[in-house]
């Protein structure tokens, strides 16, 4: 089960406060939330699937590219950033980030979800860091990897060039591969 695997991976990081974060994830609707409004994972439960896909890709990339010493030292950061990079898409303040997009004629096929108008808008990258930080302590590099995970497609696109870190690039490339390849192949 996806929830069990995510929780096992996060517990294995032994990060102080992880049990409280796991409870927040259960209560916030993380495991039921869509991953997007109309792109990859625009369906209930896809946020958790996407997060696990990103984690698996990031671990594979780290093992292939970074060497055993780097992986041993940084694997917990890879797992935390990969699994939690989109946590803000579960919502904040007891409100979901995405809600069903119901039109007068019924459900919209082109965009099954929309951003919740009852939630003051905050970019999901920022919301993710805020919510994670309520429960566990993130390192500076972990914060940056989560904030910048959308790379040149995200809100921090002008800050990224020339300041890339290994952790950021692993999370970004894994996110791109999961959303553009793995999750599209499932739809095909």
C-alpha atoms as a PDB file:
ATOM      1  CA  UNK A   1       0.000   0.000   0.000  1.00  0.00           C
ATOM      2  CA  UNK A   2       1.318   3.430  -0.950  1.00  0.00           C
ATOM      3  CA  UNK A   3       0.613   5.054   2.415  1.00  0.00           C
ATOM      4  CA  UNK A   4       2.467   2.297   4.259  1.00  0.00           C
ATOM      5  CA  UNK A   5       5.506   2.630   1.983  1.00  0.00           C
ATOM      6  CA  UNK A   6       5.617   6.426   2.325  1.00  0.00           C
ATOM      7  CA  UNK A   7       5.306   6.231   6.097  1.00  0.00           C
ATOM      8  CA  UNK A   8       7.981   3.513   6.329  1.00  0.00           C
ATOM      9  CA  UNK A   9      10.434   5.555   4.268  1.00  0.00           C
ATOM     10  CA  UNK A  10       9.822   8.699   6.323  1.00  0.00           C
ATOM     11  CA  UNK A  11      10.085   6.815   9.637  1.00  0.00           C
ATOM     12  CA  UNK A  12      13.382   5.310   8.498  1.00  0.00           C
ATOM     13  CA  UNK A  13      14.885   8.822   8.321  1.00  0.00           C
ATOM     14  CA  UNK A  14      14.624   8.957  12.136  1.00  0.00           C
ATOM     15  CA  UNK A  15      13.949  12.672  11.909  1.00  0.00           C
ATOM     16  CA  UNK A  16      12.683  14.122  15.179  1.00  0.00           C
ATOM     17  CA  UNK A  17       8.988  15.003  14.876  1.00  0.00           C
ATOM     18  CA  UNK A  18       8.319  12.589  12.006  1.00  0.00           C
ATOM     19  CA  UNK A  19       5.396  10.857  13.766  1.00  0.00           C
ATOM     20  CA  UNK A  20       3.614  14.195  14.167  1.00  0.00           C
ATOM     21  CA  UNK A  21       4.264  14.956  10.492  1.00  0.00           C
ATOM     22  CA  UNK A  22       2.833  11.576   9.479  1.00  0.00           C
ATOM     23  CA  UNK A  23      -0.295  12.269  11.505  1.00  0.00           C
ATOM     24  CA  UNK A  24      -0.596  15.686   9.817  1.00  0.00           C
ATOM     25  CA  UNK A  25      -0.297  14.020   6.407  1.00  0.00           C
ATOM     26  CA  UNK A  26      -3.137  11.635   7.282  1.00  0.00           C
ATOM     27  CA  UNK A  27      -5.347  14.431   8.634  1.00  0.00           C
ATOM     28  CA  UNK A  28      -4.607  16.921   5.845  1.00  0.00           C
ATOM     29  CA  UNK A  29      -5.852  14.680   3.063  1.00  0.00           C
ATOM     30  CA  UNK A  30      -2.416  14.097   1.548  1.00  0.00           C
ATOM     31  CA  UNK A  31      -3.266  10.500   0.628  1.00  0.00           C
ATOM     32  CA  UNK A  32      -6.553  11.467  -1.033  1.00  0.00           C
ATOM     33  CA  UNK A  33      -5.435  14.657  -2.835  1.00  0.00           C
ATOM     34  CA  UNK A  34      -4.839  14.998  -6.576  1.00  0.00           C
ATOM     35  CA  UNK A  35      -1.357  15.929  -7.805  1.00  0.00           C
ATOM     36  CA  UNK A  36      -2.569  18.665 -10.170  1.00  0.00           C
ATOM     37  CA  UNK A  37      -5.617  20.318 -11.675  1.00  0.00           C
ATOM     38  CA  UNK A  38      -5.348  18.841 -15.167  1.00  0.00           C
ATOM     39  CA  UNK A  39      -1.834  17.580 -15.820  1.00  0.00           C
ATOM     40  CA  UNK A  40      -0.190  14.555 -14.207  1.00  0.00           C
ATOM     41  CA  UNK A  41      -2.276  12.962 -11.514  1.00  0.00           C
ATOM     42  CA  UNK A  42      -5.470  14.967 -11.793  1.00  0.00           C
ATOM     43  CA  UNK A  43      -7.342  12.367  -9.780  1.00  0.00           C
ATOM     44  CA  UNK A  44      -7.967  11.539  -6.152  1.00  0.00           C
ATOM     45  CA  UNK A  45      -4.994   9.880  -4.450  1.00  0.00           C
ATOM     46  CA  UNK A  46      -2.492  10.852  -7.139  1.00  0.00           C
ATOM     47  CA  UNK A  47      -0.456  13.172  -4.889  1.00  0.00           C
ATOM     48  CA  UNK A  48       0.758  10.234  -2.797  1.00  0.00           C
ATOM     49  CA  UNK A  49       1.436   8.135  -5.914  1.00  0.00           C
ATOM     50  CA  UNK A  50       3.404  11.000  -7.484  1.00  0.00           C
ATOM     51  CA  UNK A  51       5.391  11.607  -4.299  1.00  0.00           C
ATOM     52  CA  UNK A  52       6.402   7.952  -4.078  1.00  0.00           C
ATOM     53  CA  UNK A  53       7.297   7.934  -7.792  1.00  0.00           C
ATOM     54  CA  UNK A  54       9.536  10.976  -7.247  1.00  0.00           C
ATOM     55  CA  UNK A  55      11.170   9.317  -4.261  1.00  0.00           C
ATOM     56  CA  UNK A  56      11.899   6.104  -6.151  1.00  0.00           C
ATOM     57  CA  UNK A  57      13.322   8.068  -9.098  1.00  0.00           C
ATOM     58  CA  UNK A  58      15.431  10.290  -6.834  1.00  0.00           C
ATOM     59  CA  UNK A  59      16.903   7.294  -5.029  1.00  0.00           C
ATOM     60  CA  UNK A  60      17.678   5.601  -8.352  1.00  0.00           C
ATOM     61  CA  UNK A  61      19.314   8.767  -9.695  1.00  0.00           C
ATOM     62  CA  UNK A  62      21.348   9.269  -6.523  1.00  0.00           C
ATOM     63  CA  UNK A  63      22.579   5.682  -6.645  1.00  0.00           C
ATOM     64  CA  UNK A  64      23.484   6.001 -10.336  1.00  0.00           C
ATOM     65  CA  UNK A  65      25.087   9.455 -10.261  1.00  0.00           C
ATOM     66  CA  UNK A  66      26.341  10.344  -6.802  1.00  0.00           C
ATOM     67  CA  UNK A  67      28.448   7.498  -5.463  1.00  0.00           C
ATOM     68  CA  UNK A  68      28.036   5.418  -2.335  1.00  0.00           C
ATOM     69  CA  UNK A  69      29.575   7.948   0.067  1.00  0.00           C
ATOM     70  CA  UNK A  70      27.265  10.772  -1.040  1.00  0.00           C
ATOM     71  CA  UNK A  71      24.192   8.533  -0.967  1.00  0.00           C
ATOM     72  CA  UNK A  72      25.016   7.212   2.507  1.00  0.00           C
ATOM     73  CA  UNK A  73      25.405  10.738   3.868  1.00  0.00           C
ATOM     74  CA  UNK A  74      22.391  12.290   2.111  1.00  0.00           C
ATOM     75  CA  UNK A  75      19.802   9.538   1.578  1.00  0.00           C
ATOM     76  CA  UNK A  76      17.509  10.841   4.330  1.00  0.00           C
ATOM     77  CA  UNK A  77      17.467  14.291   2.712  1.00  0.00           C
ATOM     78  CA  UNK A  78      16.637  12.707  -0.651  1.00  0.00           C
ATOM     79  CA  UNK A  79      13.737  10.774   0.877  1.00  0.00           C
ATOM     80  CA  UNK A  80      12.360  13.734   2.838  1.00  0.00           C
ATOM     81  CA  UNK A  81      12.548  16.162  -0.082  1.00  0.00           C
ATOM     82  CA  UNK A  82      11.198  13.708  -2.637  1.00  0.00           C
ATOM     83  CA  UNK A  83       8.251  12.518  -0.561  1.00  0.00           C
ATOM     84  CA  UNK A  84       7.335  15.954   0.803  1.00  0.00           C
ATOM     85  CA  UNK A  85       8.153  18.326  -2.086  1.00  0.00           C
ATOM     86  CA  UNK A  86       4.452  18.720  -2.934  1.00  0.00           C
ATOM     87  CA  UNK A  87       3.018  18.469   0.601  1.00  0.00           C
ATOM     88  CA  UNK A  88       1.540  21.960   0.168  1.00  0.00           C
ATOM     89  CA  UNK A  89      -0.825  20.509  -2.449  1.00  0.00           C
ATOM     90  CA  UNK A  90      -2.664  18.745   0.364  1.00  0.00           C
ATOM     91  CA  UNK A  91      -3.745  22.193   1.592  1.00  0.00           C
ATOM     92  CA  UNK A  92      -3.343  24.407   4.622  1.00  0.00           C
ATOM     93  CA  UNK A  93      -5.463  25.662   7.509  1.00  0.00           C
ATOM     94  CA  UNK A  94      -7.806  22.692   7.246  1.00  0.00           C
ATOM     95  CA  UNK A  95      -8.661  23.527   3.624  1.00  0.00           C
ATOM     96  CA  UNK A  96      -7.685  21.451   0.587  1.00  0.00           C
ATOM     97  CA  UNK A  97      -5.379  23.051  -2.002  1.00  0.00           C
ATOM     98  CA  UNK A  98      -7.406  21.590  -4.885  1.00  0.00           C
ATOM     99  CA  UNK A  99     -11.163  21.097  -5.083  1.00  0.00           C
ATOM    100  CA  UNK A 100     -13.323  19.444  -7.714  1.00  0.00           C
ATOM    101  CA  UNK A 101     -14.019  21.699 -10.676  1.00  0.00           C
ATOM    102  CA  UNK A 102     -17.769  21.323 -11.082  1.00  0.00           C
ATOM    103  CA  UNK A 103     -19.318  23.405 -13.834  1.00  0.00           C
ATOM    104  CA  UNK A 104     -23.011  24.155 -14.289  1.00  0.00           C
ATOM    105  CA  UNK A 105     -23.189  21.430 -16.937  1.00  0.00           C
ATOM    106  CA  UNK A 106     -21.428  18.919 -14.694  1.00  0.00           C
ATOM    107  CA  UNK A 107     -17.818  17.893 -14.221  1.00  0.00           C
ATOM    108  CA  UNK A 108     -15.206  19.516 -16.435  1.00  0.00           C
ATOM    109  CA  UNK A 109     -13.320  16.853 -18.390  1.00  0.00           C
ATOM    110  CA  UNK A 110     -10.493  19.230 -19.376  1.00  0.00           C
ATOM    111  CA  UNK A 111      -9.740  20.298 -15.805  1.00  0.00           C
ATOM    112  CA  UNK A 112     -11.216  18.037 -13.136  1.00  0.00           C
ATOM    113  CA  UNK A 113      -9.763  20.112 -10.266  1.00  0.00           C
ATOM    114  CA  UNK A 114      -9.127  23.771  -9.538  1.00  0.00           C
ATOM    115  CA  UNK A 115      -7.256  25.687  -6.869  1.00  0.00           C
ATOM    116  CA  UNK A 116      -9.457  26.180  -3.811  1.00  0.00           C
ATOM    117  CA  UNK A 117     -10.795  29.747  -3.824  1.00  0.00           C
ATOM    118  CA  UNK A 118     -11.538  29.490  -0.074  1.00  0.00           C
ATOM    119  CA  UNK A 119      -7.810  29.204   0.664  1.00  0.00           C
ATOM    120  CA  UNK A 120      -5.664  32.302   0.391  1.00  0.00           C
ATOM    121  CA  UNK A 121      -3.281  31.423  -2.427  1.00  0.00           C
ATOM    122  CA  UNK A 122       0.286  30.489  -1.581  1.00  0.00           C
ATOM    123  CA  UNK A 123       2.533  28.712  -4.069  1.00  0.00           C
ATOM    124  CA  UNK A 124       2.623  25.033  -3.171  1.00  0.00           C
ATOM    125  CA  UNK A 125       6.425  25.043  -2.889  1.00  0.00           C
ATOM    126  CA  UNK A 126       6.230  27.631  -0.100  1.00  0.00           C
ATOM    127  CA  UNK A 127       3.267  25.938   1.558  1.00  0.00           C
ATOM    128  CA  UNK A 128       5.213  22.665   1.530  1.00  0.00           C
ATOM    129  CA  UNK A 129       8.174  24.137   3.403  1.00  0.00           C
ATOM    130  CA  UNK A 130       5.871  25.888   5.882  1.00  0.00           C
ATOM    131  CA  UNK A 131       3.901  22.738   6.693  1.00  0.00           C
ATOM    132  CA  UNK A 132       6.936  20.446   6.876  1.00  0.00           C
ATOM    133  CA  UNK A 133       8.736  22.907   9.155  1.00  0.00           C
ATOM    134  CA  UNK A 134       5.885  22.803  11.652  1.00  0.00           C
ATOM    135  CA  UNK A 135       6.864  19.210  12.434  1.00  0.00           C
ATOM    136  CA  UNK A 136      10.460  18.481  11.449  1.00  0.00           C
ATOM    137  CA  UNK A 137      13.554  20.574  11.053  1.00  0.00           C
ATOM    138  CA  UNK A 138      14.730  20.974   7.464  1.00  0.00           C
ATOM    139  CA  UNK A 139      18.292  21.805   6.537  1.00  0.00           C
ATOM    140  CA  UNK A 140      19.011  24.840   4.381  1.00  0.00           C
ATOM    141  CA  UNK A 141      19.710  22.585   1.401  1.00  0.00           C
ATOM    142  CA  UNK A 142      16.477  20.618   1.944  1.00  0.00           C
ATOM    143  CA  UNK A 143      14.456  23.844   2.055  1.00  0.00           C
ATOM    144  CA  UNK A 144      16.026  25.025  -1.170  1.00  0.00           C
ATOM    145  CA  UNK A 145      15.486  21.685  -2.925  1.00  0.00           C
ATOM    146  CA  UNK A 146      11.789  21.765  -2.025  1.00  0.00           C
ATOM    147  CA  UNK A 147      11.321  25.444  -2.843  1.00  0.00           C
ATOM    148  CA  UNK A 148      13.100  25.102  -6.185  1.00  0.00           C
ATOM    149  CA  UNK A 149      11.910  21.625  -7.210  1.00  0.00           C
ATOM    150  CA  UNK A 150      10.012  23.020 -10.203  1.00  0.00           C
ATOM    151  CA  UNK A 151      13.218  24.533 -11.547  1.00  0.00           C
ATOM    152  CA  UNK A 152      12.774  26.946 -14.423  1.00  0.00           C
ATOM    153  CA  UNK A 153       9.049  26.096 -14.491  1.00  0.00           C
ATOM    154  CA  UNK A 154       8.476  27.385 -10.964  1.00  0.00           C
ATOM    155  CA  UNK A 155       8.158  30.641  -9.089  1.00  0.00           C
ATOM    156  CA  UNK A 156      11.868  30.681  -8.238  1.00  0.00           C
ATOM    157  CA  UNK A 157      13.024  30.327 -11.858  1.00  0.00           C
ATOM    158  CA  UNK A 158      15.202  33.437 -11.710  1.00  0.00           C
ATOM    159  CA  UNK A 159      16.982  32.352  -8.522  1.00  0.00           C
ATOM    160  CA  UNK A 160      17.977  28.863  -9.707  1.00  0.00           C
ATOM    161  CA  UNK A 161      20.561  29.358 -12.509  1.00  0.00           C
ATOM    162  CA  UNK A 162      24.096  29.015 -11.220  1.00  0.00           C
ATOM    163  CA  UNK A 163      23.013  28.002  -7.698  1.00  0.00           C
ATOM    164  CA  UNK A 164      22.033  24.380  -8.308  1.00  0.00           C
ATOM    165  CA  UNK A 165      22.919  21.768  -5.694  1.00  0.00           C
ATOM    166  CA  UNK A 166      23.059  18.010  -6.079  1.00  0.00           C
ATOM    167  CA  UNK A 167      19.990  17.544  -3.867  1.00  0.00           C
ATOM    168  CA  UNK A 168      17.983  20.160  -5.766  1.00  0.00           C
ATOM    169  CA  UNK A 169      18.889  18.624  -9.146  1.00  0.00           C
ATOM    170  CA  UNK A 170      18.003  15.101  -7.993  1.00  0.00           C
ATOM    171  CA  UNK A 171      14.580  16.228  -6.765  1.00  0.00           C
ATOM    172  CA  UNK A 172      13.930  18.363  -9.847  1.00  0.00           C
ATOM    173  CA  UNK A 173      14.964  15.672 -12.341  1.00  0.00           C
ATOM    174  CA  UNK A 174      13.075  12.970 -10.423  1.00  0.00           C
ATOM    175  CA  UNK A 175       9.953  15.171 -10.315  1.00  0.00           C
ATOM    176  CA  UNK A 176      10.192  15.815 -14.054  1.00  0.00           C
ATOM    177  CA  UNK A 177      10.769  12.134 -14.863  1.00  0.00           C
ATOM    178  CA  UNK A 178       7.914  10.981 -12.631  1.00  0.00           C
ATOM    179  CA  UNK A 179       5.402  13.517 -13.967  1.00  0.00           C
ATOM    180  CA  UNK A 180       6.477  13.583 -17.629  1.00  0.00           C
ATOM    181  CA  UNK A 181       7.365   9.924 -18.180  1.00  0.00           C
ATOM    182  CA  UNK A 182       6.165   7.471 -15.502  1.00  0.00           C
ATOM    183  CA  UNK A 183       2.788   9.053 -14.861  1.00  0.00           C
ATOM    184  CA  UNK A 184       2.106   9.753 -18.546  1.00  0.00           C
ATOM    185  CA  UNK A 185       2.916   6.124 -19.444  1.00  0.00           C
ATOM    186  CA  UNK A 186       0.313   5.017 -16.911  1.00  0.00           C
ATOM    187  CA  UNK A 187      -2.307   7.223 -18.615  1.00  0.00           C
ATOM    188  CA  UNK A 188      -1.452   5.982 -22.129  1.00  0.00           C
END
